Amino acid sequence: MKKILLLLASSLLTAQQTSELLSNNWYISKMVTSGGQTTNTPVIDNGVPATTFNSAGGTSYVINSRYYNTSMMSFGVIPGGNNLIKTASSCTLLFYNGGNAAPVRAYDQKNCDAYVLGAYGSIYSYQITNNGNIKTLTITDPSGNKIYYNNTPQLSTKEVQAAAKTFKAYPNPVKEVLHLENIERNLPLKIYDLSGKLVFETTTHSNKTSIDTSSLQKGQYMITIENYKSYPFVKE
């Protein structure tokens, strides 16, 4: 009876651990090597597809880490912790020939290597952090390299390059309030960082809008408004 209870407790604990992994779509956003070198996910035609986790029965699961190709790893979960034991892996071998080709191909290879190169039985770990509605999943491979995923999709090259109506934005660079003019009402307005992570969203209410950027970290961002050309700006 004790053995059965322990098995049930272990299964419940594993289910709790993996519920967030399975219930979200994850989008690869950057990779950081064990030496600290960061590579943000390059913009790709049609955008980054969702990475998913699926149950394979019991305490076995599969991650499909998708960029252009898909890197697949089967793993088991160690109850009571955030460690994953690799049991199998593979990667598709499609050749990308779209826009931004060289960075995309190099990043695609890194995504494959992260899950394929680890030996059978090697240990990966994961961590999920929350910032409002935005969740970040970090997976660390056996060599200490980290892959980051967000639960918000990245822009595609077509969306970034889409030329439509333009609007005025100032000042740029901005320290506090960014003013927008010549825009229509009731349109979705979003701000992304260069990794494609959504950091702000609202709806336009008039032909002029002001955005408080005090919560944004210093760096480069992209404003998108439906039916308008995207606008890059710098936060100081």
Protein backbone atom coordinates (compact mmCIF):
# COMPACT_ATOMS: atom_id res chain seq x y z
CA MET A 1 0.00 0.00 0.00
CA LYS A 2 2.83 2.43 0.87
CA LYS A 3 4.45 1.69 -2.49
CA ILE A 4 1.20 2.45 -4.33
CA LEU A 5 0.74 5.70 -2.40
CA LEU A 6 4.31 6.74 -3.19
CA LEU A 7 3.76 6.05 -6.90
CA LEU A 8 0.53 8.07 -6.87
CA ALA A 9 2.21 10.96 -5.06
CA SER A 10 5.09 10.86 -7.54
CA SER A 11 2.69 10.93 -10.52
CA LEU A 12 0.74 13.87 -9.06
CA LEU A 13 3.93 15.79 -8.37
CA THR A 14 5.19 15.20 -11.92
CA ALA A 15 1.83 16.30 -13.37
CA GLN A 16 2.01 19.55 -11.36
CA GLN A 17 5.58 20.18 -12.52
CA THR A 18 4.79 19.71 -16.20
CA SER A 19 1.35 21.37 -16.37
CA GLU A 20 2.75 24.77 -17.38
CA LEU A 21 5.05 23.17 -19.95
CA LEU A 22 2.14 21.39 -21.63
CA SER A 23 -0.47 24.14 -21.36
CA ASN A 24 1.52 26.88 -23.15
CA ASN A 25 2.80 27.46 -26.64
CA TRP A 26 6.44 28.51 -26.42
CA TYR A 27 8.39 30.58 -28.94
CA ILE A 28 12.18 30.42 -28.99
CA SER A 29 13.56 33.90 -28.25
CA LYS A 30 17.30 33.64 -27.61
CA MET A 31 20.22 31.37 -26.77
CA VAL A 32 22.97 32.06 -24.25
CA THR A 33 26.13 29.97 -24.24
CA SER A 34 27.77 28.77 -21.05
CA GLY A 35 30.38 31.47 -21.69
CA GLY A 36 27.71 34.21 -21.67
CA GLN A 37 27.41 34.89 -25.43
CA THR A 38 23.82 35.81 -26.32
CA THR A 39 22.18 35.28 -29.72
CA ASN A 40 18.67 36.64 -30.14
CA THR A 41 16.37 34.67 -32.41
CA PRO A 42 16.78 36.05 -35.97
CA VAL A 43 13.64 37.23 -37.73
CA ILE A 44 12.40 34.53 -40.12
CA ASP A 45 9.87 34.37 -42.94
CA ASN A 46 6.38 33.47 -41.65
CA GLY A 47 7.48 33.96 -38.04
CA VAL A 48 8.68 31.48 -35.43
CA PRO A 49 6.32 28.50 -35.01
CA ALA A 50 5.30 27.36 -31.54
CA THR A 51 7.45 24.95 -29.56
CA THR A 52 5.28 22.39 -27.80
CA PHE A 53 5.52 19.78 -25.07
CA ASN A 54 3.46 16.59 -25.33
CA SER A 55 2.89 13.71 -22.96
CA ALA A 56 4.17 10.32 -24.13
CA GLY A 57 2.56 8.45 -21.23
CA GLY A 58 3.49 8.18 -17.55
CA THR A 59 6.43 10.44 -16.74
CA SER A 60 7.64 10.52 -20.38
CA TYR A 61 7.32 13.63 -22.52
CA VAL A 62 8.46 15.08 -25.84
CA ILE A 63 9.61 18.61 -26.64
CA ASN A 64 9.40 19.84 -30.24
CA SER A 65 11.65 22.91 -30.30
CA ARG A 66 10.65 24.66 -33.51
CA TYR A 67 12.44 27.34 -35.48
CA TYR A 68 12.71 26.58 -39.21
CA ASN A 69 13.58 22.97 -38.48
CA THR A 70 12.22 21.06 -35.50
CA SER A 71 14.53 19.65 -32.83
CA MET A 72 12.80 16.85 -30.95
CA MET A 73 13.83 15.37 -27.62
CA SER A 74 12.09 12.67 -25.59
CA PHE A 75 12.69 12.87 -21.85
CA GLY A 76 11.58 11.69 -18.46
CA VAL A 77 10.88 13.99 -15.52
CA ILE A 78 12.53 13.52 -12.14
CA PRO A 79 9.77 14.02 -9.53
CA GLY A 80 10.30 16.86 -7.07
CA GLY A 81 12.68 18.88 -9.22
CA ASN A 82 13.11 20.57 -12.60
CA ASN A 83 15.47 18.04 -14.14
CA LEU A 84 14.79 16.20 -17.40
CA ILE A 85 16.47 12.93 -18.40
CA LYS A 86 17.05 12.62 -22.15
CA THR A 87 15.90 9.33 -23.71
CA ALA A 88 15.95 10.09 -27.47
CA SER A 89 16.34 12.96 -29.95
CA SER A 90 16.22 13.89 -33.63
CA CYS A 91 16.10 16.97 -35.88
CA THR A 92 14.53 17.64 -39.28
CA LEU A 93 16.85 18.60 -42.13
CA LEU A 94 15.00 21.20 -44.19
CA PHE A 95 17.07 23.86 -46.00
CA TYR A 96 16.01 27.47 -45.38
CA ASN A 97 16.38 29.80 -48.35
CA GLY A 98 14.23 32.75 -47.32
CA GLY A 99 15.04 36.22 -46.04
CA ASN A 100 17.81 36.75 -43.48
CA ALA A 101 19.12 33.35 -44.58
CA ALA A 102 22.62 33.20 -43.05
CA PRO A 103 21.63 34.07 -39.45
CA VAL A 104 18.55 31.86 -39.66
CA ARG A 105 20.53 28.81 -40.82
CA ALA A 106 23.18 29.28 -38.12
CA TYR A 107 20.53 29.66 -35.42
CA ASP A 108 18.61 26.70 -36.77
CA GLN A 109 21.70 24.52 -36.38
CA LYS A 110 22.16 25.66 -32.79
CA ASN A 111 18.57 24.71 -32.01
CA CYS A 112 19.20 21.21 -33.37
CA ASP A 113 22.54 20.83 -31.61
CA ALA A 114 21.09 21.82 -28.23
CA TYR A 115 18.89 18.73 -28.06
CA VAL A 116 20.63 16.25 -30.37
CA LEU A 117 24.24 16.47 -29.13
CA GLY A 118 23.49 15.58 -25.51
CA ALA A 119 24.12 11.90 -24.77
CA TYR A 120 21.39 9.41 -23.86
CA GLY A 121 20.62 9.76 -20.15
CA SER A 122 22.08 13.27 -19.94
CA ILE A 123 20.37 15.78 -17.66
CA TYR A 124 18.66 18.95 -18.84
CA SER A 125 16.90 21.39 -16.51
CA TYR A 126 14.15 23.95 -16.94
CA GLN A 127 12.75 27.01 -15.19
CA ILE A 128 9.60 29.06 -15.82
CA THR A 129 9.43 32.69 -14.72
CA ASN A 130 6.43 35.02 -14.90
CA ASN A 131 6.25 38.71 -15.71
CA GLY A 132 2.55 39.58 -15.79
CA ASN A 133 0.98 37.64 -18.65
CA ILE A 134 4.39 36.90 -20.18
CA LYS A 135 6.03 33.63 -19.23
CA THR A 136 9.65 32.74 -19.97
CA LEU A 137 10.87 29.17 -20.16
CA THR A 138 14.61 28.57 -19.80
CA ILE A 139 16.06 25.17 -20.69
CA THR A 140 19.68 24.45 -19.75
CA ASP A 141 21.53 21.71 -21.62
CA PRO A 142 24.21 19.43 -20.08
CA SER A 143 26.97 21.87 -21.14
CA GLY A 144 25.36 24.86 -19.41
CA ASN A 145 24.02 26.51 -22.56
CA LYS A 146 20.58 28.07 -22.15
CA ILE A 147 17.65 28.32 -24.55
CA TYR A 148 14.92 30.85 -23.78
CA TYR A 149 11.30 30.64 -24.89
CA ASN A 150 8.43 33.08 -24.40
CA ASN A 151 4.71 32.40 -24.56
CA THR A 152 4.27 35.24 -27.09
CA PRO A 153 4.99 34.86 -30.83
CA GLN A 154 7.75 36.63 -32.73
CA LEU A 155 7.17 38.86 -35.73
CA SER A 156 7.80 37.45 -39.19
CA THR A 157 9.98 39.20 -41.78
CA LYS A 158 6.83 39.95 -43.76
CA GLU A 159 5.25 41.69 -40.78
CA VAL A 160 8.43 43.61 -40.00
CA GLN A 161 8.89 44.72 -43.60
CA ALA A 162 5.22 45.34 -44.39
CA ALA A 163 4.94 48.79 -45.89
CA ALA A 164 1.60 50.48 -45.33
CA LYS A 165 0.61 53.83 -43.90
CA THR A 166 3.12 55.61 -41.71
CA PHE A 167 2.74 57.49 -38.44
CA LYS A 168 4.84 60.05 -36.61
CA ALA A 169 6.65 59.11 -33.38
CA TYR A 170 8.79 61.37 -31.19
CA PRO A 171 11.15 61.82 -29.45
CA ASN A 172 13.47 59.10 -30.70
CA PRO A 173 15.52 58.14 -28.71
CA VAL A 174 13.00 58.43 -25.87
CA LYS A 175 13.61 58.62 -22.11
CA GLU A 176 10.06 58.71 -20.73
CA VAL A 177 6.98 59.42 -22.89
CA LEU A 178 6.79 58.48 -26.58
CA HIS A 179 4.22 60.46 -28.59
CA LEU A 180 2.48 59.02 -31.66
CA GLU A 181 0.50 61.04 -34.23
CA ASN A 182 -1.40 60.47 -37.48
CA ILE A 183 -2.95 57.16 -36.47
CA GLU A 184 -6.48 55.80 -36.63
CA ARG A 185 -8.62 54.87 -33.65
CA ASN A 186 -9.33 51.40 -32.26
CA LEU A 187 -6.31 49.66 -33.72
CA PRO A 188 -4.07 47.21 -31.81
CA LEU A 189 -0.73 48.75 -30.91
CA LYS A 190 2.14 46.52 -29.79
CA ILE A 191 5.77 47.01 -28.85
CA TYR A 192 8.34 44.23 -29.30
CA ASP A 193 11.98 44.04 -28.32
CA LEU A 194 14.55 42.85 -30.88
CA SER A 195 14.14 39.21 -29.85
CA GLY A 196 10.49 39.42 -30.90
CA LYS A 197 9.18 39.43 -27.34
CA LEU A 198 5.97 41.38 -26.81
CA VAL A 199 6.63 43.93 -24.05
CA PHE A 200 3.63 46.27 -24.34
CA GLU A 201 0.21 46.35 -25.98
CA THR A 202 -2.78 48.65 -26.04
CA THR A 203 -5.45 50.03 -28.40
CA THR A 204 -5.29 53.42 -30.07
CA HIS A 205 -8.03 55.75 -28.86
CA SER A 206 -7.51 58.81 -31.07
CA ASN A 207 -5.24 60.13 -33.81
CA LYS A 208 -2.70 60.92 -31.07
CA THR A 209 -1.38 58.52 -28.44
CA SER A 210 1.25 58.83 -25.70
CA ILE A 211 3.11 55.83 -24.31
CA ASP A 212 4.91 55.79 -20.97
CA THR A 213 8.15 53.88 -21.65
CA SER A 214 9.49 54.04 -18.08
CA SER A 215 8.94 50.29 -17.61
CA LEU A 216 11.06 49.43 -20.66
CA GLN A 217 14.74 48.63 -20.30
CA LYS A 218 17.27 50.57 -22.36
CA GLY A 219 17.56 49.20 -25.87
CA GLN A 220 15.92 49.00 -29.30
CA TYR A 221 12.23 48.28 -29.86
CA MET A 222 9.67 48.02 -32.65
CA ILE A 223 6.18 49.54 -32.57
CA THR A 224 3.54 47.83 -34.70
CA ILE A 225 0.09 49.27 -35.41
CA GLU A 226 -2.31 47.34 -37.60
CA ASN A 227 -2.28 48.63 -41.23
CA TYR A 228 0.78 50.82 -40.55
CA LYS A 229 4.45 50.42 -41.25
CA SER A 230 6.40 49.26 -38.19
CA TYR A 231 8.47 51.90 -36.44
CA PRO A 232 11.79 51.25 -34.63
CA PHE A 233 12.80 53.37 -31.65
CA VAL A 234 15.46 53.50 -28.97
CA LYS A 235 14.79 53.67 -25.21
CA GLU A 236 17.50 55.53 -23.30
